[in-house]
Amino acid sequence: IIEQELKVEFEPLPQDELMAAQEESVTLPTLREVQAHGIRQVQRVVRNWEGVVDANGEIVPFSPAMLEQALQHAWFRAGIQKALAESQNGEAARQGN
């Protein structure tokens, strides 16, 4: 098992916008559409990252194109979505992050 850490800067969204996105997600008929919706939501709020490296250990600077590429990996997408959900629920603030 390889464990890596990264820091992600999110743009906070108003609660009503978050709820609208969640409500839209549950109406989508296919897993593919739900996944695409989730990716769009992540792309909308991620503004920067630290600690992302390539296979050679070289730092990968943040850009919308690199985020899109990274989100094609299920493990990366799951980690970002978990962190985003925690930040939206105030978990990060409670932990001092």
C-alpha atoms as a PDB file:
ATOM      1  CA  ILE A   1       0.000   0.000   0.000  1.00  0.00           C
ATOM      2  CA  ILE A   2       1.287   3.414  -0.960  1.00  0.00           C
ATOM      3  CA  GLU A   3      -0.080   6.298   1.042  1.00  0.00           C
ATOM      4  CA  GLN A   4       0.289   9.876  -0.128  1.00  0.00           C
ATOM      5  CA  GLU A   5      -0.990  13.176   1.172  1.00  0.00           C
ATOM      6  CA  LEU A   6      -1.939  16.271  -0.690  1.00  0.00           C
ATOM      7  CA  LYS A   7      -3.450  19.598   0.219  1.00  0.00           C
ATOM      8  CA  VAL A   8      -6.321  20.938  -1.830  1.00  0.00           C
ATOM      9  CA  GLU A   9      -7.686  24.470  -1.812  1.00  0.00           C
ATOM     10  CA  PHE A  10     -11.457  24.571  -2.263  1.00  0.00           C
ATOM     11  CA  GLU A  11     -13.624  27.557  -3.100  1.00  0.00           C
ATOM     12  CA  PRO A  12     -16.503  27.505  -0.618  1.00  0.00           C
ATOM     13  CA  LEU A  13     -19.969  27.452  -2.137  1.00  0.00           C
ATOM     14  CA  PRO A  14     -23.200  28.703  -0.574  1.00  0.00           C
ATOM     15  CA  GLN A  15     -25.268  25.988   1.110  1.00  0.00           C
ATOM     16  CA  ASP A  16     -28.206  26.443  -1.276  1.00  0.00           C
ATOM     17  CA  GLU A  17     -25.915  25.826  -4.246  1.00  0.00           C
ATOM     18  CA  LEU A  18     -24.518  22.667  -2.617  1.00  0.00           C
ATOM     19  CA  MET A  19     -28.005  21.359  -1.931  1.00  0.00           C
ATOM     20  CA  ALA A  20     -29.119  22.077  -5.499  1.00  0.00           C
ATOM     21  CA  ALA A  21     -26.135  20.116  -6.841  1.00  0.00           C
ATOM     22  CA  GLN A  22     -26.912  17.171  -4.541  1.00  0.00           C
ATOM     23  CA  GLU A  23     -30.575  17.228  -5.531  1.00  0.00           C
ATOM     24  CA  GLU A  24     -29.604  17.255  -9.203  1.00  0.00           C
ATOM     25  CA  SER A  25     -27.236  14.331  -8.686  1.00  0.00           C
ATOM     26  CA  VAL A  26     -29.941  12.040  -7.297  1.00  0.00           C
ATOM     27  CA  THR A  27     -32.143  12.656 -10.344  1.00  0.00           C
ATOM     28  CA  LEU A  28     -29.525  11.484 -12.840  1.00  0.00           C
ATOM     29  CA  PRO A  29     -30.487   8.143 -14.405  1.00  0.00           C
ATOM     30  CA  THR A  30     -27.073   6.569 -15.027  1.00  0.00           C
ATOM     31  CA  LEU A  31     -23.878   6.049 -13.079  1.00  0.00           C
ATOM     32  CA  ARG A  32     -21.957   7.682 -15.925  1.00  0.00           C
ATOM     33  CA  GLU A  33     -24.036  10.861 -15.569  1.00  0.00           C
ATOM     34  CA  VAL A  34     -23.659  10.863 -11.776  1.00  0.00           C
ATOM     35  CA  GLN A  35     -19.894  10.493 -12.150  1.00  0.00           C
ATOM     36  CA  ALA A  36     -19.681  13.291 -14.736  1.00  0.00           C
ATOM     37  CA  HIS A  37     -21.767  15.535 -12.472  1.00  0.00           C
ATOM     38  CA  GLY A  38     -19.415  14.815  -9.551  1.00  0.00           C
ATOM     39  CA  ILE A  39     -16.377  15.637 -11.678  1.00  0.00           C
ATOM     40  CA  ARG A  40     -17.929  18.943 -12.769  1.00  0.00           C
ATOM     41  CA  GLN A  41     -18.634  19.836  -9.144  1.00  0.00           C
ATOM     42  CA  VAL A  42     -15.039  19.096  -8.133  1.00  0.00           C
ATOM     43  CA  GLN A  43     -13.695  21.106 -11.076  1.00  0.00           C
ATOM     44  CA  ARG A  44     -15.884  24.000 -10.018  1.00  0.00           C
ATOM     45  CA  VAL A  45     -14.476  24.261  -6.482  1.00  0.00           C
ATOM     46  CA  VAL A  46     -10.840  23.060  -6.600  1.00  0.00           C
ATOM     47  CA  ARG A  47      -8.550  26.079  -6.935  1.00  0.00           C
ATOM     48  CA  ASN A  48      -5.095  24.719  -6.119  1.00  0.00           C
ATOM     49  CA  TRP A  49      -3.191  21.746  -4.754  1.00  0.00           C
ATOM     50  CA  GLU A  50       0.097  20.882  -3.079  1.00  0.00           C
ATOM     51  CA  GLY A  51       1.803  17.521  -2.862  1.00  0.00           C
ATOM     52  CA  VAL A  52       0.756  16.044  -6.201  1.00  0.00           C
ATOM     53  CA  VAL A  53       3.655  14.217  -7.831  1.00  0.00           C
ATOM     54  CA  ASP A  54       4.053  12.176 -10.994  1.00  0.00           C
ATOM     55  CA  ALA A  55       5.424   8.628 -11.336  1.00  0.00           C
ATOM     56  CA  ASN A  56       8.981  10.006 -11.150  1.00  0.00           C
ATOM     57  CA  GLY A  57       8.305  11.948  -7.957  1.00  0.00           C
ATOM     58  CA  GLU A  58       8.282  15.293  -9.766  1.00  0.00           C
ATOM     59  CA  ILE A  59       5.894  17.957  -8.513  1.00  0.00           C
ATOM     60  CA  VAL A  60       2.819  18.384 -10.702  1.00  0.00           C
ATOM     61  CA  PRO A  61       1.699  22.027 -10.689  1.00  0.00           C
ATOM     62  CA  PHE A  62      -2.018  22.664 -10.473  1.00  0.00           C
ATOM     63  CA  SER A  63      -3.939  23.552 -13.607  1.00  0.00           C
ATOM     64  CA  PRO A  64      -7.519  22.846 -14.675  1.00  0.00           C
ATOM     65  CA  ALA A  65      -6.164  20.453 -17.321  1.00  0.00           C
ATOM     66  CA  MET A  66      -4.091  18.506 -14.767  1.00  0.00           C
ATOM     67  CA  LEU A  67      -7.079  18.348 -12.416  1.00  0.00           C
ATOM     68  CA  GLU A  68      -9.214  16.931 -15.216  1.00  0.00           C
ATOM     69  CA  GLN A  69      -6.543  14.332 -15.956  1.00  0.00           C
ATOM     70  CA  ALA A  70      -6.168  13.372 -12.277  1.00  0.00           C
ATOM     71  CA  LEU A  71      -9.946  13.033 -11.873  1.00  0.00           C
ATOM     72  CA  GLN A  72      -9.912  10.210 -14.432  1.00  0.00           C
ATOM     73  CA  HIS A  73      -8.407   8.011 -11.690  1.00  0.00           C
ATOM     74  CA  ALA A  74     -11.131   6.658  -9.396  1.00  0.00           C
ATOM     75  CA  TRP A  75      -8.873   6.635  -6.312  1.00  0.00           C
ATOM     76  CA  PHE A  76      -7.958  10.323  -6.806  1.00  0.00           C
ATOM     77  CA  ARG A  77     -11.554  11.315  -7.483  1.00  0.00           C
ATOM     78  CA  ALA A  78     -12.761   9.443  -4.379  1.00  0.00           C
ATOM     79  CA  GLY A  79     -10.165  11.144  -2.170  1.00  0.00           C
ATOM     80  CA  ILE A  80     -11.002  14.609  -3.463  1.00  0.00           C
ATOM     81  CA  GLN A  81     -14.750  14.022  -3.157  1.00  0.00           C
ATOM     82  CA  LYS A  82     -14.338  12.756   0.423  1.00  0.00           C
ATOM     83  CA  ALA A  83     -12.284  15.821   1.380  1.00  0.00           C
ATOM     84  CA  LEU A  84     -14.807  18.084  -0.326  1.00  0.00           C
ATOM     85  CA  ALA A  85     -17.741  16.472   1.501  1.00  0.00           C
ATOM     86  CA  GLU A  86     -15.924  16.813   4.835  1.00  0.00           C
ATOM     87  CA  SER A  87     -15.150  20.474   4.160  1.00  0.00           C
ATOM     88  CA  GLN A  88     -18.775  21.158   3.224  1.00  0.00           C
ATOM     89  CA  ASN A  89     -19.956  19.542   6.444  1.00  0.00           C
ATOM     90  CA  GLY A  90     -17.509  21.551   8.556  1.00  0.00           C
ATOM     91  CA  GLU A  91     -15.303  18.556   9.397  1.00  0.00           C
ATOM     92  CA  ALA A  92     -12.109  20.307   8.302  1.00  0.00           C
ATOM     93  CA  ALA A  93     -12.923  23.338  10.440  1.00  0.00           C
ATOM     94  CA  ARG A  94     -13.558  21.132  13.498  1.00  0.00           C
ATOM     95  CA  GLN A  95     -10.187  19.434  12.974  1.00  0.00           C
ATOM     96  CA  GLY A  96      -8.402  22.756  12.573  1.00  0.00           C
ATOM     97  CA  ASN A  97      -7.657  22.323   8.849  1.00  0.00           C
END
